N, C-alpha and C. Protein backbone atom coordinates (compact mmCIF):
# COMPACT_ATOMS: atom_id res chain seq x y z
N UNK A 1 0.83 -1.11 -0.06
CA UNK A 1 -0.02 -0.02 0.05
C UNK A 1 0.94 1.07 0.05
N UNK A 2 0.47 2.07 -0.82
CA UNK A 2 1.24 3.41 -0.89
C UNK A 2 0.17 4.36 -0.55
N UNK A 3 0.77 5.44 0.50
CA UNK A 3 -0.15 6.62 0.88
C UNK A 3 0.61 7.79 0.64
N UNK A 4 0.02 8.85 0.23
CA UNK A 4 0.67 10.04 0.06
C UNK A 4 -0.19 11.17 0.84
N UNK A 5 0.60 12.10 1.50
CA UNK A 5 -0.04 13.23 2.17
C UNK A 5 0.47 14.53 1.58
N UNK A 6 -0.55 15.23 1.26
CA UNK A 6 -0.28 16.67 1.00
C UNK A 6 -0.81 17.59 2.10
N UNK A 7 0.18 17.86 3.08
CA UNK A 7 -0.33 18.67 4.20
C UNK A 7 -0.69 20.14 3.79
N UNK A 8 -1.44 20.79 4.47
CA UNK A 8 -1.83 22.23 4.26
C UNK A 8 -3.26 22.64 4.59
N UNK A 9 -3.49 23.81 4.24
CA UNK A 9 -4.79 24.20 4.47
C UNK A 9 -5.92 23.53 3.79
N UNK A 10 -5.68 22.99 2.63
CA UNK A 10 -6.57 22.25 1.77
C UNK A 10 -5.91 20.95 1.28
N UNK A 11 -5.22 20.22 2.28
CA UNK A 11 -4.53 19.07 1.82
C UNK A 11 -5.35 17.88 1.82
N UNK A 12 -4.69 16.80 1.57
CA UNK A 12 -5.47 15.40 1.31
C UNK A 12 -4.59 14.25 1.59
N UNK A 13 -5.08 13.24 1.83
CA UNK A 13 -4.37 11.82 2.06
C UNK A 13 -4.97 10.93 0.79
N UNK A 14 -4.14 10.50 0.05
CA UNK A 14 -4.43 9.63 -1.11
C UNK A 14 -3.70 8.46 -0.74
N UNK A 15 -4.51 7.22 -1.14
CA UNK A 15 -3.81 5.87 -0.93
C UNK A 15 -4.04 4.89 -2.05
N UNK A 16 -3.25 4.09 -2.38
CA UNK A 16 -3.58 3.08 -3.35
C UNK A 16 -3.05 1.73 -2.79
N UNK A 17 -3.93 0.75 -3.06
CA UNK A 17 -3.63 -0.68 -2.83
C UNK A 17 -3.79 -1.43 -4.14
N UNK A 18 -2.61 -1.86 -4.65
CA UNK A 18 -2.62 -2.45 -5.75
C UNK A 18 -3.14 -3.86 -5.75
N UNK A 19 -3.96 -4.06 -6.64
CA UNK A 19 -4.69 -5.39 -6.92
C UNK A 19 -4.24 -5.98 -8.24
N UNK A 20 -3.58 -6.98 -8.27
CA UNK A 20 -2.96 -7.54 -9.55
C UNK A 20 -4.27 -7.73 -10.68
N UNK A 21 -5.36 -7.98 -10.15
CA UNK A 21 -6.50 -8.24 -11.26
C UNK A 21 -6.99 -6.97 -11.68
N UNK A 22 -7.05 -5.87 -10.94
CA UNK A 22 -7.58 -4.66 -11.53
C UNK A 22 -6.54 -3.50 -11.64
N UNK A 23 -5.39 -3.87 -11.31
CA UNK A 23 -4.19 -3.12 -11.37
C UNK A 23 -3.97 -2.11 -10.20
N UNK A 24 -5.14 -1.48 -9.79
CA UNK A 24 -5.00 -0.53 -8.67
C UNK A 24 -6.48 -0.27 -8.17
N UNK A 25 -6.44 0.24 -6.75
CA UNK A 25 -7.62 0.66 -6.22
C UNK A 25 -7.25 1.84 -5.34
N UNK A 26 -7.69 3.01 -5.72
CA UNK A 26 -7.34 4.33 -5.23
C UNK A 26 -8.36 4.86 -4.25
N UNK A 27 -7.96 5.50 -3.09
CA UNK A 27 -8.98 6.18 -2.25
C UNK A 27 -8.51 7.51 -1.87
N UNK A 28 -9.27 8.39 -1.60
CA UNK A 28 -9.09 9.89 -1.18
C UNK A 28 -9.75 10.16 0.04
N UNK A 29 -9.03 10.93 0.82
CA UNK A 29 -9.62 11.57 2.12
C UNK A 29 -9.14 12.89 2.17
N UNK A 30 -10.01 13.94 2.14
CA UNK A 30 -9.48 15.45 2.16
C UNK A 30 -9.32 15.78 3.66
N UNK A 31 -8.35 16.38 3.96
CA UNK A 31 -8.03 16.89 5.25
C UNK A 31 -7.37 18.26 5.34
N UNK A 32 -7.56 18.86 6.42
CA UNK A 32 -6.83 20.28 6.54
C UNK A 32 -6.17 20.34 7.75
N UNK A 33 -4.85 20.50 7.78
CA UNK A 33 -4.06 20.67 8.83
C UNK A 33 -4.13 22.07 9.48
N UNK A 34 -5.10 22.38 10.36
CA UNK A 34 -5.24 23.80 10.76
C UNK A 34 -6.75 23.96 10.98
N UNK A 35 -6.98 25.26 11.00
CA UNK A 35 -8.28 25.52 11.44
C UNK A 35 -9.25 25.96 10.40
N UNK A 36 -8.79 26.14 9.19
CA UNK A 36 -9.58 26.72 8.07
C UNK A 36 -9.17 25.93 6.73
N UNK A 37 -10.10 25.76 5.95
CA UNK A 37 -9.80 25.29 4.55
C UNK A 37 -10.38 26.09 3.53
N UNK A 38 -10.00 26.09 2.37
CA UNK A 38 -10.33 26.91 1.31
C UNK A 38 -11.34 26.19 0.43
N UNK A 39 -12.59 26.83 0.24
CA UNK A 39 -13.51 26.01 -0.52
C UNK A 39 -13.22 26.31 -2.07
N UNK A 40 -13.98 25.56 -2.92
CA UNK A 40 -13.70 25.58 -4.25
C UNK A 40 -14.10 27.01 -4.80
N UNK A 41 -15.02 27.77 -4.19
CA UNK A 41 -15.27 29.10 -4.59
C UNK A 41 -14.29 30.15 -3.97
N UNK A 42 -13.21 29.75 -3.37
CA UNK A 42 -12.22 30.54 -2.67
C UNK A 42 -12.43 31.21 -1.41
N UNK A 43 -13.49 30.88 -0.80
CA UNK A 43 -13.67 31.27 0.50
C UNK A 43 -13.22 30.38 1.52
N UNK A 44 -12.92 30.89 2.78
CA UNK A 44 -12.38 30.05 3.85
C UNK A 44 -13.58 29.56 4.86
N UNK A 45 -13.52 28.33 5.27
CA UNK A 45 -14.47 27.80 6.31
C UNK A 45 -13.79 27.17 7.45
N UNK A 46 -14.24 27.27 8.49
CA UNK A 46 -13.64 26.62 9.80
C UNK A 46 -13.93 25.00 9.73
N UNK A 47 -13.12 24.30 10.03
CA UNK A 47 -13.22 22.88 10.19
C UNK A 47 -12.63 22.43 11.48
N UNK A 48 -13.14 21.22 11.75
CA UNK A 48 -12.62 20.69 13.09
C UNK A 48 -11.84 19.33 12.71
N UNK A 49 -10.86 19.39 11.95
CA UNK A 49 -9.95 18.46 11.53
C UNK A 49 -8.61 18.61 11.89
N UNK A 50 -8.12 17.52 12.60
CA UNK A 50 -6.73 17.84 13.19
C UNK A 50 -5.94 16.65 12.91
N UNK A 51 -4.76 16.59 13.71
CA UNK A 51 -3.79 15.44 13.73
C UNK A 51 -4.41 14.13 13.97
N UNK A 52 -5.13 14.07 15.08
CA UNK A 52 -5.82 12.81 15.46
C UNK A 52 -6.74 12.23 14.35
N UNK A 53 -7.49 13.04 13.63
CA UNK A 53 -8.31 12.30 12.69
C UNK A 53 -7.44 11.89 11.60
N UNK A 54 -6.30 12.55 11.20
CA UNK A 54 -5.56 12.12 10.08
C UNK A 54 -4.78 10.98 10.61
N UNK A 55 -4.37 10.89 11.85
CA UNK A 55 -3.75 9.77 12.35
C UNK A 55 -4.43 8.50 12.52
N UNK A 56 -5.71 8.77 13.04
CA UNK A 56 -6.69 7.66 12.93
C UNK A 56 -6.98 7.03 11.58
N UNK A 57 -7.03 7.79 10.50
CA UNK A 57 -7.32 7.38 9.22
C UNK A 57 -6.05 6.49 8.78
N UNK A 58 -4.81 7.15 8.96
CA UNK A 58 -3.65 6.41 8.59
C UNK A 58 -3.45 5.11 9.32
N UNK A 59 -3.87 5.09 10.62
CA UNK A 59 -3.68 3.83 11.34
C UNK A 59 -4.63 2.75 10.73
N UNK A 60 -5.82 3.32 10.23
CA UNK A 60 -6.90 2.27 9.78
C UNK A 60 -6.11 1.76 8.47
N UNK A 61 -5.64 2.67 7.64
CA UNK A 61 -5.07 2.24 6.29
C UNK A 61 -3.93 1.20 6.50
N UNK A 62 -2.98 1.62 7.61
CA UNK A 62 -1.91 0.83 7.69
C UNK A 62 -2.02 -0.51 8.55
N UNK A 63 -2.87 -0.42 9.55
CA UNK A 63 -3.01 -1.53 10.55
C UNK A 63 -4.25 -2.26 10.24
N UNK A 64 -5.33 -1.85 9.82
CA UNK A 64 -6.78 -2.44 9.73
C UNK A 64 -7.05 -2.98 8.31
N UNK A 65 -6.28 -2.72 7.34
CA UNK A 65 -6.49 -3.20 6.15
C UNK A 65 -5.49 -4.28 5.52
N UNK A 66 -5.90 -5.09 4.77
CA UNK A 66 -5.06 -6.23 4.30
C UNK A 66 -4.04 -5.86 3.13
N UNK A 67 -2.73 -5.91 3.54
CA UNK A 67 -1.64 -5.53 2.53
C UNK A 67 -0.38 -6.15 2.72
N UNK A 68 0.49 -5.99 1.83
CA UNK A 68 1.66 -6.84 2.06
C UNK A 68 2.90 -5.80 2.56
N UNK A 69 2.48 -4.58 2.87
CA UNK A 69 3.46 -3.63 3.21
C UNK A 69 3.05 -2.22 2.98
N UNK A 70 3.65 -1.33 3.59
CA UNK A 70 3.16 0.12 3.22
C UNK A 70 4.44 1.06 3.25
N UNK A 71 4.18 2.20 2.72
CA UNK A 71 5.06 3.31 2.78
C UNK A 71 4.20 4.57 2.61
N UNK A 72 4.52 5.59 3.44
CA UNK A 72 3.87 6.80 3.59
C UNK A 72 4.71 7.97 3.02
N UNK A 73 4.42 8.61 1.92
CA UNK A 73 5.16 9.83 1.51
C UNK A 73 4.32 10.99 2.10
N UNK A 74 5.09 11.92 2.64
CA UNK A 74 4.52 13.17 2.94
C UNK A 74 5.33 14.30 2.49
N UNK A 75 4.73 15.29 1.89
CA UNK A 75 5.29 16.33 1.47
C UNK A 75 6.00 17.20 2.48
N UNK A 76 7.24 17.60 2.26
CA UNK A 76 8.08 18.36 3.30
C UNK A 76 7.64 19.70 3.27
N UNK A 77 7.35 20.24 4.45
CA UNK A 77 6.92 21.89 4.55
C UNK A 77 8.29 22.70 4.62
N UNK A 78 8.16 23.62 3.88
CA UNK A 78 9.37 24.54 3.78
C UNK A 78 8.91 25.99 4.01
N UNK A 79 9.77 26.72 4.60
CA UNK A 79 9.54 28.15 4.84
C UNK A 79 10.55 28.78 3.95
N UNK A 80 10.03 29.91 3.43
CA UNK A 80 10.92 30.80 2.53
C UNK A 80 10.89 32.19 3.33
N UNK A 81 12.06 32.97 2.92
CA UNK A 81 12.23 34.28 3.36
C UNK A 81 10.99 35.12 3.08
N UNK A 82 10.37 35.04 1.88
CA UNK A 82 9.24 35.86 1.39
C UNK A 82 8.14 35.47 2.16
N UNK A 83 8.02 34.53 3.03
CA UNK A 83 6.76 34.22 3.96
C UNK A 83 6.67 35.38 5.05
N UNK A 84 7.74 36.02 5.26
CA UNK A 84 7.77 37.13 6.27
C UNK A 84 7.22 38.35 5.58
N UNK A 85 6.91 38.56 4.15
CA UNK A 85 6.48 39.61 3.45
C UNK A 85 4.83 39.80 3.68
N UNK A 86 4.26 38.63 4.06
CA UNK A 86 2.76 38.66 4.09
C UNK A 86 2.44 38.64 5.55
N UNK A 87 1.65 39.52 6.03
CA UNK A 87 1.25 39.40 7.46
C UNK A 87 0.64 38.29 7.76
N UNK A 88 1.22 37.54 8.89
CA UNK A 88 0.64 36.20 9.45
C UNK A 88 1.12 35.02 8.69
N UNK A 89 1.72 35.06 7.40
CA UNK A 89 1.96 33.86 6.61
C UNK A 89 3.21 33.15 7.39
N UNK A 90 4.06 33.79 7.79
CA UNK A 90 5.34 33.02 8.55
C UNK A 90 4.65 32.39 9.76
N UNK A 91 3.70 32.97 10.47
CA UNK A 91 3.17 32.27 11.53
C UNK A 91 2.42 31.08 11.20
N UNK A 92 1.54 31.16 10.10
CA UNK A 92 0.81 30.05 9.82
C UNK A 92 1.68 28.89 9.15
N UNK A 93 2.82 29.21 8.57
CA UNK A 93 3.76 28.22 8.02
C UNK A 93 4.34 27.56 9.18
N UNK A 94 4.81 28.32 10.18
CA UNK A 94 5.32 27.62 11.32
C UNK A 94 4.32 26.68 12.05
N UNK A 95 3.15 27.08 12.18
CA UNK A 95 2.01 26.30 12.74
C UNK A 95 1.89 25.06 12.08
N UNK A 96 1.94 25.16 10.66
CA UNK A 96 1.73 24.08 9.80
C UNK A 96 2.79 23.00 9.97
N UNK A 97 4.15 23.66 9.94
CA UNK A 97 5.20 22.84 10.20
C UNK A 97 5.22 22.17 11.46
N UNK A 98 4.76 22.68 12.56
CA UNK A 98 4.51 22.04 13.93
C UNK A 98 3.59 20.85 13.82
N UNK A 99 2.33 21.11 13.05
CA UNK A 99 1.38 20.14 13.00
C UNK A 99 1.94 18.85 12.23
N UNK A 100 2.75 19.10 11.13
CA UNK A 100 3.27 18.06 10.34
C UNK A 100 4.29 17.35 11.12
N UNK A 101 5.18 17.92 11.88
CA UNK A 101 6.04 17.34 12.76
C UNK A 101 5.56 16.41 13.81
N UNK A 102 4.41 16.91 14.28
CA UNK A 102 3.65 16.06 15.30
C UNK A 102 2.99 14.92 14.58
N UNK A 103 2.57 15.00 13.40
CA UNK A 103 1.86 13.85 12.77
C UNK A 103 3.01 12.88 12.44
N UNK A 104 4.21 13.36 12.00
CA UNK A 104 5.31 12.37 11.56
C UNK A 104 5.69 11.74 12.90
N UNK A 105 5.76 12.44 13.97
CA UNK A 105 6.29 11.78 15.26
C UNK A 105 5.33 10.81 15.67
N UNK A 106 3.87 11.04 15.34
CA UNK A 106 2.90 10.05 15.80
C UNK A 106 3.11 8.91 14.89
N UNK A 107 3.36 8.98 13.62
CA UNK A 107 3.50 7.92 12.67
C UNK A 107 4.60 7.00 12.98
N UNK A 108 5.82 7.59 13.54
CA UNK A 108 7.04 6.89 13.74
C UNK A 108 6.89 6.14 15.01
N UNK A 109 6.07 6.64 16.02
CA UNK A 109 5.75 5.79 17.24
C UNK A 109 5.00 4.63 16.93
N UNK A 110 3.94 4.80 16.03
CA UNK A 110 3.20 3.62 15.60
C UNK A 110 3.81 2.64 14.66
N UNK A 111 5.15 3.01 14.38
CA UNK A 111 5.94 2.24 13.51
C UNK A 111 5.35 2.11 12.06
N UNK A 112 4.95 3.42 11.62
CA UNK A 112 4.45 3.56 10.26
C UNK A 112 5.87 4.03 9.44
N UNK A 113 5.93 3.48 8.34
CA UNK A 113 7.09 3.82 7.46
C UNK A 113 6.69 5.05 6.75
N UNK A 114 7.43 6.17 7.06
CA UNK A 114 7.13 7.60 6.66
C UNK A 114 8.29 8.15 6.03
N UNK A 115 8.11 8.69 4.84
CA UNK A 115 9.32 9.43 4.04
C UNK A 115 8.92 10.81 3.62
N UNK A 116 9.70 11.71 4.03
CA UNK A 116 9.43 13.22 3.66
C UNK A 116 10.05 13.39 2.29
N UNK A 117 9.26 14.10 1.53
CA UNK A 117 9.61 14.27 0.08
C UNK A 117 9.42 15.86 -0.12
N UNK A 118 10.52 16.48 -0.75
CA UNK A 118 10.49 17.82 -1.11
C UNK A 118 9.42 18.09 -2.20
N UNK A 119 8.91 19.20 -2.28
CA UNK A 119 7.90 19.32 -3.46
C UNK A 119 8.85 19.14 -4.73
N UNK A 120 9.88 19.80 -4.93
CA UNK A 120 10.59 19.79 -6.24
C UNK A 120 11.11 18.56 -6.49
N UNK A 121 11.28 17.45 -5.58
CA UNK A 121 11.73 16.15 -5.82
C UNK A 121 10.54 15.43 -6.61
N UNK A 122 9.25 15.38 -6.00
CA UNK A 122 8.37 14.57 -6.91
C UNK A 122 7.97 15.30 -7.99
N UNK A 123 8.07 16.70 -8.08
CA UNK A 123 7.49 17.47 -9.39
C UNK A 123 8.74 17.20 -10.49
N UNK A 124 10.02 17.18 -10.09
CA UNK A 124 10.98 16.82 -11.21
C UNK A 124 10.85 15.41 -11.75
N UNK A 125 10.51 14.45 -10.75
CA UNK A 125 10.43 13.00 -11.11
C UNK A 125 9.30 12.72 -11.94
N UNK A 126 8.21 13.49 -11.87
CA UNK A 126 6.96 13.36 -12.78
C UNK A 126 7.28 14.30 -13.97
N UNK A 127 8.43 14.83 -14.00
CA UNK A 127 8.78 15.77 -15.30
C UNK A 127 7.78 16.88 -15.47
N UNK A 128 7.34 17.54 -14.35
CA UNK A 128 6.66 18.72 -14.48
C UNK A 128 7.61 20.00 -14.88
N UNK A 129 7.29 20.71 -15.77
CA UNK A 129 7.94 21.85 -16.17
C UNK A 129 7.57 23.05 -15.23
N UNK A 130 8.59 23.76 -15.12
CA UNK A 130 8.46 25.10 -14.07
C UNK A 130 7.33 26.02 -14.67
N UNK A 131 6.41 26.22 -13.99
CA UNK A 131 5.39 27.28 -14.56
C UNK A 131 5.39 28.39 -13.54
N UNK A 132 5.32 29.62 -13.92
CA UNK A 132 5.27 30.76 -13.06
C UNK A 132 3.95 30.90 -12.19
N UNK A 133 2.88 30.66 -12.99
CA UNK A 133 1.49 30.93 -12.48
C UNK A 133 1.13 29.70 -11.58
N UNK A 134 0.57 30.01 -10.42
CA UNK A 134 0.27 28.87 -9.43
C UNK A 134 -0.99 28.10 -10.02
N UNK A 135 -1.81 28.88 -10.76
CA UNK A 135 -3.06 28.45 -11.26
C UNK A 135 -2.65 27.52 -12.26
N UNK A 136 -1.84 27.89 -13.30
CA UNK A 136 -1.45 26.94 -14.42
C UNK A 136 -0.68 25.69 -13.92
N UNK A 137 0.06 25.84 -12.73
CA UNK A 137 0.93 24.67 -12.07
C UNK A 137 -0.14 23.76 -11.58
N UNK A 138 -1.16 24.24 -10.83
CA UNK A 138 -2.25 23.41 -10.18
C UNK A 138 -3.13 22.65 -11.14
N UNK A 139 -3.38 23.41 -12.21
CA UNK A 139 -4.16 22.81 -13.30
C UNK A 139 -3.43 21.63 -14.03
N UNK A 140 -2.16 21.91 -14.09
CA UNK A 140 -1.22 20.75 -14.68
C UNK A 140 -1.35 19.58 -13.74
N UNK A 141 -1.15 19.74 -12.52
CA UNK A 141 -1.23 18.73 -11.51
C UNK A 141 -2.51 17.83 -11.64
N UNK A 142 -3.56 18.62 -11.68
CA UNK A 142 -4.98 18.12 -11.81
C UNK A 142 -5.21 17.28 -12.93
N UNK A 143 -4.64 17.82 -14.14
CA UNK A 143 -4.84 17.04 -15.45
C UNK A 143 -4.06 15.90 -15.29
N UNK A 144 -2.83 15.86 -14.80
CA UNK A 144 -1.96 14.61 -14.61
C UNK A 144 -2.50 13.60 -13.73
N UNK A 145 -2.95 14.05 -12.61
CA UNK A 145 -3.53 13.18 -11.62
C UNK A 145 -4.80 12.40 -12.09
N UNK A 146 -5.56 13.23 -12.81
CA UNK A 146 -6.89 12.70 -13.36
C UNK A 146 -6.64 11.53 -14.43
N UNK A 147 -5.66 11.77 -15.19
CA UNK A 147 -5.21 10.74 -16.09
C UNK A 147 -4.68 9.49 -15.47
N UNK A 148 -3.99 9.57 -14.41
CA UNK A 148 -3.41 8.44 -13.63
C UNK A 148 -4.36 7.76 -12.83
N UNK A 149 -5.35 8.58 -12.15
CA UNK A 149 -6.36 7.99 -11.48
C UNK A 149 -7.75 8.32 -11.81
N UNK A 150 -8.20 7.87 -12.88
CA UNK A 150 -9.56 8.31 -13.33
C UNK A 150 -10.83 8.00 -12.70
N UNK A 151 -10.59 7.04 -11.70
CA UNK A 151 -11.71 6.61 -10.80
C UNK A 151 -11.96 7.77 -9.70
N UNK A 152 -11.13 8.83 -9.52
CA UNK A 152 -11.24 9.58 -8.47
C UNK A 152 -11.52 11.04 -9.12
N UNK A 153 -12.47 11.72 -8.63
CA UNK A 153 -12.82 13.13 -8.96
C UNK A 153 -11.79 14.13 -8.46
N UNK A 154 -10.81 14.63 -9.39
CA UNK A 154 -9.74 15.56 -8.89
C UNK A 154 -10.35 17.01 -9.04
N UNK A 155 -9.67 17.70 -8.07
CA UNK A 155 -9.91 19.05 -8.07
C UNK A 155 -8.51 19.69 -7.60
N UNK A 156 -8.41 21.12 -7.64
CA UNK A 156 -7.13 21.56 -7.36
C UNK A 156 -6.64 21.41 -5.97
N UNK A 157 -7.52 21.03 -4.95
CA UNK A 157 -7.10 20.66 -3.60
C UNK A 157 -6.33 19.33 -3.40
N UNK A 158 -6.95 18.35 -4.12
CA UNK A 158 -6.53 16.96 -3.88
C UNK A 158 -5.50 16.43 -5.01
N UNK A 159 -5.29 17.12 -6.03
CA UNK A 159 -4.48 16.66 -7.18
C UNK A 159 -2.97 16.49 -6.61
N UNK A 160 -2.57 17.44 -5.71
CA UNK A 160 -1.09 17.22 -5.42
C UNK A 160 -0.91 15.83 -4.66
N UNK A 161 -1.87 15.59 -3.84
CA UNK A 161 -1.73 14.20 -3.16
C UNK A 161 -1.54 13.15 -4.02
N UNK A 162 -2.26 13.10 -5.17
CA UNK A 162 -2.38 12.09 -6.08
C UNK A 162 -1.04 12.11 -6.92
N UNK A 163 -0.42 13.32 -7.02
CA UNK A 163 0.79 13.46 -7.84
C UNK A 163 1.89 12.80 -6.97
N UNK A 164 1.87 13.02 -5.62
CA UNK A 164 2.85 12.51 -4.62
C UNK A 164 2.59 11.07 -4.72
N UNK A 165 1.55 10.49 -4.81
CA UNK A 165 1.27 9.00 -4.66
C UNK A 165 1.74 8.53 -5.99
N UNK A 166 1.65 9.15 -7.10
CA UNK A 166 2.22 8.55 -8.42
C UNK A 166 3.71 8.66 -8.19
N UNK A 167 4.36 9.66 -7.64
CA UNK A 167 5.80 9.71 -7.22
C UNK A 167 6.13 8.46 -6.57
N UNK A 168 5.46 8.26 -5.43
CA UNK A 168 5.64 7.12 -4.64
C UNK A 168 5.52 5.84 -5.31
N UNK A 169 4.61 5.60 -6.14
CA UNK A 169 4.31 4.45 -7.06
C UNK A 169 5.61 4.04 -7.87
N UNK A 170 6.04 5.15 -8.56
CA UNK A 170 7.27 5.00 -9.45
C UNK A 170 8.59 4.70 -8.71
N UNK A 171 8.72 5.29 -7.44
CA UNK A 171 9.92 5.21 -6.69
C UNK A 171 9.84 3.72 -6.05
N UNK A 172 8.77 3.34 -5.63
CA UNK A 172 8.54 1.84 -5.08
C UNK A 172 8.84 0.71 -6.13
N UNK A 173 8.73 1.12 -7.32
CA UNK A 173 9.01 0.07 -8.35
C UNK A 173 10.52 -0.20 -8.34
N UNK A 174 11.35 0.78 -7.95
CA UNK A 174 12.82 0.75 -8.06
C UNK A 174 13.36 0.36 -6.82
N UNK A 175 12.66 0.78 -5.60
CA UNK A 175 13.21 0.55 -4.29
C UNK A 175 12.16 -0.37 -3.38
N UNK A 176 11.38 -1.35 -4.08
CA UNK A 176 10.50 -1.88 -3.18
C UNK A 176 10.89 -2.70 -1.80
N UNK A 177 12.07 -3.27 -1.98
CA UNK A 177 12.63 -4.00 -0.80
C UNK A 177 12.94 -3.07 0.29
N UNK A 178 13.51 -1.99 0.12
CA UNK A 178 13.87 -0.89 1.10
C UNK A 178 12.69 -0.09 1.46
N UNK A 179 11.64 0.09 0.82
CA UNK A 179 10.52 1.01 1.21
C UNK A 179 9.47 0.44 2.05
N UNK A 180 9.12 -0.92 1.62
CA UNK A 180 7.88 -1.47 2.18
C UNK A 180 8.31 -2.15 3.40
N UNK A 181 7.59 -1.92 4.56
CA UNK A 181 7.70 -2.59 5.87
C UNK A 181 6.37 -3.14 6.23
């Protein structure tokens, strides 16, 4: 089983359990690490989703489903100097970083196999060209993810998780002995 986590205000957990007969079975769970998520209309709404709910879902995937091993890929949170230019952004990024660190710690305590991945790593592996516009970049990810996982309804919020999942699938083909536990 391969699990991918795109943390953030409108993040998602994507998982795939490969079935030799059907080739794959994918699932999606939308989560937000924090207090607000951005809706499709661009407005923010409060949610009561936190680390415990995400950890419980991961625990279910890893320990309560039948599979021959698992690996969890989680996008590494980075702070940039420009985050200080927007009021409150540096604080929100630090808060997100703390939430992700707590989640990773909880996964390691439960002996979940977790690998942090820089955004540039999965993007270059999937051969995404650098686009200046965030909208163009997100649309590219959405189109790519929809082609790879046609049974899932993709949107701009969950596509990154499925791109990370595809990165994990490719990486696992070459490193399966080392990755799966």
